[in-house]
N, C-alpha and C. Protein backbone atom coordinates (compact mmCIF):
# COMPACT_ATOMS: atom_id res chain seq x y z
N MET A 1 0.84 -1.17 0.00
CA MET A 1 0.00 0.00 0.00
C MET A 1 0.89 1.23 0.00
N GLN A 2 0.58 2.16 -0.87
CA GLN A 2 1.30 3.42 -0.97
C GLN A 2 0.39 4.55 -0.51
N GLU A 3 0.99 5.58 0.04
CA GLU A 3 0.22 6.74 0.48
C GLU A 3 0.98 7.98 0.08
N ALA A 4 0.26 8.99 -0.37
CA ALA A 4 0.90 10.24 -0.78
C ALA A 4 0.07 11.42 -0.29
N THR A 5 0.75 12.49 0.07
CA THR A 5 0.05 13.69 0.52
C THR A 5 -0.06 14.74 -0.58
N GLN A 6 0.78 14.66 -1.58
CA GLN A 6 0.74 15.61 -2.69
C GLN A 6 0.01 14.98 -3.87
N LEU A 7 -0.88 15.73 -4.49
CA LEU A 7 -1.66 15.18 -5.60
C LEU A 7 -0.80 14.74 -6.76
N HIS A 8 0.25 15.49 -7.08
CA HIS A 8 1.10 15.10 -8.20
C HIS A 8 1.85 13.79 -7.90
N THR A 9 2.23 13.58 -6.64
CA THR A 9 2.86 12.32 -6.24
C THR A 9 1.85 11.19 -6.38
N LEU A 10 0.64 11.43 -5.96
CA LEU A 10 -0.42 10.44 -6.06
C LEU A 10 -0.65 10.02 -7.51
N ILE A 11 -0.72 10.99 -8.40
CA ILE A 11 -0.91 10.69 -9.82
C ILE A 11 0.29 9.93 -10.36
N GLY A 12 1.49 10.28 -9.91
CA GLY A 12 2.69 9.56 -10.32
C GLY A 12 2.64 8.10 -9.91
N LEU A 13 2.17 7.83 -8.70
CA LEU A 13 2.02 6.44 -8.24
C LEU A 13 1.02 5.68 -9.11
N VAL A 14 -0.08 6.33 -9.44
CA VAL A 14 -1.07 5.70 -10.31
C VAL A 14 -0.46 5.42 -11.68
N ALA A 15 0.30 6.37 -12.21
CA ALA A 15 0.94 6.20 -13.52
C ALA A 15 1.91 5.02 -13.53
N CYS A 16 2.50 4.72 -12.37
CA CYS A 16 3.43 3.59 -12.26
C CYS A 16 2.71 2.27 -11.96
N GLY A 17 1.39 2.31 -11.88
CA GLY A 17 0.64 1.08 -11.67
C GLY A 17 0.29 0.77 -10.24
N PHE A 18 0.42 1.74 -9.34
CA PHE A 18 0.12 1.51 -7.93
C PHE A 18 -1.30 1.92 -7.56
N GLY A 19 -2.29 1.43 -8.26
CA GLY A 19 -3.66 1.62 -7.84
C GLY A 19 -4.41 2.75 -8.48
N VAL A 20 -5.38 3.27 -7.74
CA VAL A 20 -6.28 4.31 -8.21
C VAL A 20 -6.28 5.47 -7.22
N ALA A 21 -6.84 6.60 -7.63
CA ALA A 21 -6.91 7.76 -6.75
C ALA A 21 -8.14 8.59 -7.07
N LEU A 22 -8.68 9.24 -6.07
CA LEU A 22 -9.74 10.22 -6.26
C LEU A 22 -9.07 11.59 -6.27
N VAL A 23 -9.30 12.35 -7.32
CA VAL A 23 -8.65 13.66 -7.44
C VAL A 23 -9.67 14.70 -7.88
N PRO A 24 -9.40 15.99 -7.60
CA PRO A 24 -10.29 17.03 -8.07
C PRO A 24 -10.22 17.19 -9.59
N GLU A 25 -11.27 17.75 -10.15
CA GLU A 25 -11.35 17.91 -11.60
C GLU A 25 -10.18 18.71 -12.15
N SER A 26 -9.69 19.69 -11.41
CA SER A 26 -8.58 20.52 -11.89
C SER A 26 -7.33 19.69 -12.17
N ILE A 27 -7.08 18.67 -11.36
CA ILE A 27 -5.93 17.79 -11.58
C ILE A 27 -6.20 16.91 -12.80
N ALA A 28 -7.41 16.41 -12.92
CA ALA A 28 -7.75 15.52 -14.04
C ALA A 28 -7.59 16.23 -15.38
N GLN A 29 -7.71 17.54 -15.39
CA GLN A 29 -7.61 18.29 -16.64
C GLN A 29 -6.18 18.73 -16.95
N SER A 30 -5.25 18.53 -16.02
CA SER A 30 -3.95 19.17 -16.23
C SER A 30 -2.73 18.27 -16.26
N VAL A 31 -2.79 17.05 -15.77
CA VAL A 31 -1.55 16.28 -15.64
C VAL A 31 -1.63 14.89 -16.25
N MET A 32 -0.53 14.42 -16.77
CA MET A 32 -0.28 13.03 -17.18
C MET A 32 -1.42 12.36 -17.94
N ARG A 33 -2.07 13.07 -18.79
CA ARG A 33 -3.20 12.47 -19.51
C ARG A 33 -2.75 11.37 -20.45
N ASP A 34 -1.47 11.31 -20.77
CA ASP A 34 -0.98 10.24 -21.64
C ASP A 34 -0.70 8.95 -20.88
N LYS A 35 -0.58 9.01 -19.54
CA LYS A 35 -0.25 7.82 -18.76
C LYS A 35 -1.35 7.39 -17.79
N VAL A 36 -2.30 8.27 -17.53
CA VAL A 36 -3.34 8.00 -16.54
C VAL A 36 -4.70 8.27 -17.17
N VAL A 37 -5.64 7.39 -16.91
CA VAL A 37 -7.01 7.57 -17.40
C VAL A 37 -7.83 8.20 -16.28
N PHE A 38 -8.52 9.27 -16.60
CA PHE A 38 -9.39 9.94 -15.63
C PHE A 38 -10.84 9.69 -16.02
N ARG A 39 -11.66 9.35 -15.04
CA ARG A 39 -13.08 9.13 -15.27
C ARG A 39 -13.87 9.96 -14.26
N ARG A 40 -14.87 10.68 -14.76
CA ARG A 40 -15.74 11.45 -13.88
C ARG A 40 -16.63 10.48 -13.10
N LEU A 41 -16.77 10.71 -11.81
CA LEU A 41 -17.66 9.89 -10.98
C LEU A 41 -19.06 10.47 -11.04
N LEU A 42 -20.03 9.62 -11.19
CA LEU A 42 -21.42 10.06 -11.22
C LEU A 42 -21.96 10.16 -9.80
N PRO A 43 -22.88 11.08 -9.56
CA PRO A 43 -23.47 11.20 -8.22
C PRO A 43 -24.18 9.90 -7.84
N VAL A 44 -24.18 9.58 -6.56
CA VAL A 44 -24.84 8.37 -6.08
C VAL A 44 -26.26 8.65 -5.62
N SER A 45 -26.68 9.90 -5.71
CA SER A 45 -28.05 10.25 -5.33
C SER A 45 -28.57 11.32 -6.28
N ASP A 46 -29.80 11.70 -6.08
CA ASP A 46 -30.40 12.75 -6.90
C ASP A 46 -30.17 14.14 -6.33
N ALA A 47 -29.34 14.25 -5.31
CA ALA A 47 -29.06 15.55 -4.71
C ALA A 47 -28.48 16.50 -5.76
N PRO A 48 -28.91 17.76 -5.76
CA PRO A 48 -28.41 18.69 -6.77
C PRO A 48 -26.92 18.99 -6.64
N ASN A 49 -26.39 18.90 -5.45
CA ASN A 49 -24.97 19.16 -5.21
C ASN A 49 -24.36 18.01 -4.43
N PRO A 50 -24.03 16.90 -5.09
CA PRO A 50 -23.46 15.77 -4.35
C PRO A 50 -22.17 16.18 -3.65
N ALA A 51 -21.95 15.61 -2.50
CA ALA A 51 -20.77 15.97 -1.71
C ALA A 51 -20.20 14.74 -1.04
N ILE A 52 -18.96 14.85 -0.61
CA ILE A 52 -18.35 13.80 0.19
C ILE A 52 -18.04 14.38 1.56
N GLY A 53 -18.00 13.54 2.54
CA GLY A 53 -17.69 14.01 3.89
C GLY A 53 -16.19 14.23 4.06
N LEU A 54 -15.85 15.34 4.65
CA LEU A 54 -14.46 15.62 5.00
C LEU A 54 -14.41 15.82 6.50
N TYR A 55 -13.38 15.29 7.11
CA TYR A 55 -13.24 15.40 8.55
C TYR A 55 -11.88 15.97 8.88
N MET A 56 -11.79 16.67 9.98
CA MET A 56 -10.53 17.22 10.44
C MET A 56 -10.17 16.52 11.74
N SER A 57 -8.92 16.19 11.89
CA SER A 57 -8.47 15.61 13.16
C SER A 57 -7.27 16.39 13.66
N TRP A 58 -7.10 16.44 14.95
CA TRP A 58 -5.97 17.14 15.55
C TRP A 58 -5.75 16.57 16.93
N ASN A 59 -4.58 16.83 17.47
CA ASN A 59 -4.24 16.40 18.81
C ASN A 59 -4.87 17.38 19.79
N SER A 60 -5.82 16.92 20.57
CA SER A 60 -6.55 17.81 21.48
C SER A 60 -5.66 18.38 22.59
N ARG A 61 -4.47 17.82 22.78
CA ARG A 61 -3.54 18.35 23.78
C ARG A 61 -2.71 19.51 23.23
N ASN A 62 -2.76 19.72 21.92
CA ASN A 62 -2.02 20.81 21.30
C ASN A 62 -2.80 22.10 21.52
N GLU A 63 -2.23 23.03 22.26
CA GLU A 63 -2.92 24.27 22.59
C GLU A 63 -2.51 25.42 21.69
N SER A 64 -2.11 25.13 20.48
CA SER A 64 -1.69 26.15 19.53
C SER A 64 -2.82 27.15 19.26
N ALA A 65 -2.50 28.43 19.33
CA ALA A 65 -3.49 29.47 19.03
C ALA A 65 -3.96 29.37 17.58
N LEU A 66 -3.05 29.00 16.69
CA LEU A 66 -3.40 28.86 15.28
C LEU A 66 -4.42 27.74 15.06
N ILE A 67 -4.18 26.59 15.70
CA ILE A 67 -5.12 25.48 15.58
C ILE A 67 -6.48 25.87 16.17
N ASN A 68 -6.45 26.51 17.34
CA ASN A 68 -7.71 26.92 17.96
C ASN A 68 -8.47 27.91 17.09
N SER A 69 -7.77 28.83 16.44
CA SER A 69 -8.42 29.79 15.54
C SER A 69 -9.04 29.08 14.34
N PHE A 70 -8.32 28.08 13.81
CA PHE A 70 -8.84 27.33 12.67
C PHE A 70 -10.09 26.54 13.06
N ILE A 71 -10.06 25.90 14.22
CA ILE A 71 -11.22 25.15 14.70
C ILE A 71 -12.40 26.10 14.89
N PHE A 72 -12.15 27.28 15.45
CA PHE A 72 -13.22 28.27 15.63
C PHE A 72 -13.82 28.65 14.29
N LEU A 73 -12.96 28.87 13.30
CA LEU A 73 -13.41 29.22 11.95
C LEU A 73 -14.30 28.11 11.37
N LEU A 74 -13.88 26.86 11.54
CA LEU A 74 -14.69 25.74 11.04
C LEU A 74 -16.03 25.65 11.78
N ASP A 75 -15.97 25.78 13.09
CA ASP A 75 -17.21 25.71 13.87
C ASP A 75 -18.20 26.79 13.44
N ALA A 76 -17.70 27.96 13.12
CA ALA A 76 -18.57 29.08 12.76
C ALA A 76 -19.09 29.00 11.33
N ASN A 77 -18.37 28.31 10.44
CA ASN A 77 -18.73 28.37 9.03
C ASN A 77 -19.04 27.04 8.36
N VAL A 78 -18.48 25.96 8.83
CA VAL A 78 -18.63 24.69 8.13
C VAL A 78 -19.54 23.74 8.88
N VAL A 79 -19.30 23.56 10.13
CA VAL A 79 -20.00 22.54 10.92
C VAL A 79 -21.52 22.68 10.87
N PRO A 80 -22.11 23.89 10.89
CA PRO A 80 -23.57 23.98 10.88
C PRO A 80 -24.23 23.35 9.65
N HIS A 81 -23.49 23.09 8.61
CA HIS A 81 -24.05 22.49 7.41
C HIS A 81 -24.27 20.98 7.56
N PHE A 82 -23.76 20.39 8.62
CA PHE A 82 -23.87 18.95 8.81
C PHE A 82 -24.79 18.66 9.99
N SER A 83 -25.47 17.53 9.93
CA SER A 83 -26.43 17.20 10.98
C SER A 83 -25.79 16.58 12.21
N SER A 84 -24.61 15.99 12.06
CA SER A 84 -23.95 15.40 13.22
C SER A 84 -22.44 15.46 13.05
N ILE A 85 -21.77 15.54 14.15
CA ILE A 85 -20.31 15.62 14.17
C ILE A 85 -19.78 14.44 14.97
N VAL A 86 -18.77 13.79 14.46
CA VAL A 86 -18.13 12.67 15.16
C VAL A 86 -16.99 13.22 15.98
N GLU A 87 -16.99 12.95 17.27
CA GLU A 87 -15.90 13.42 18.13
C GLU A 87 -15.16 12.25 18.72
């Protein structure tokens, strides 16, 4: 199993035969089209704006002001759009 944090590295691994990857449309339109096949995923529901769940994790013992500010920003702007939060 391979893991990559950079999208271009991920696409490189796919180009070398190491599996598949989910990538944003902007990447699918711009890189390695001669070595990698990109396929658009169809929505799994009739929702007008299909979405995937994204989660943030952090070490709760880290008292960084920057992390706390980011969490506050998410709580104020992102979290209300979801019906439940996993803690």
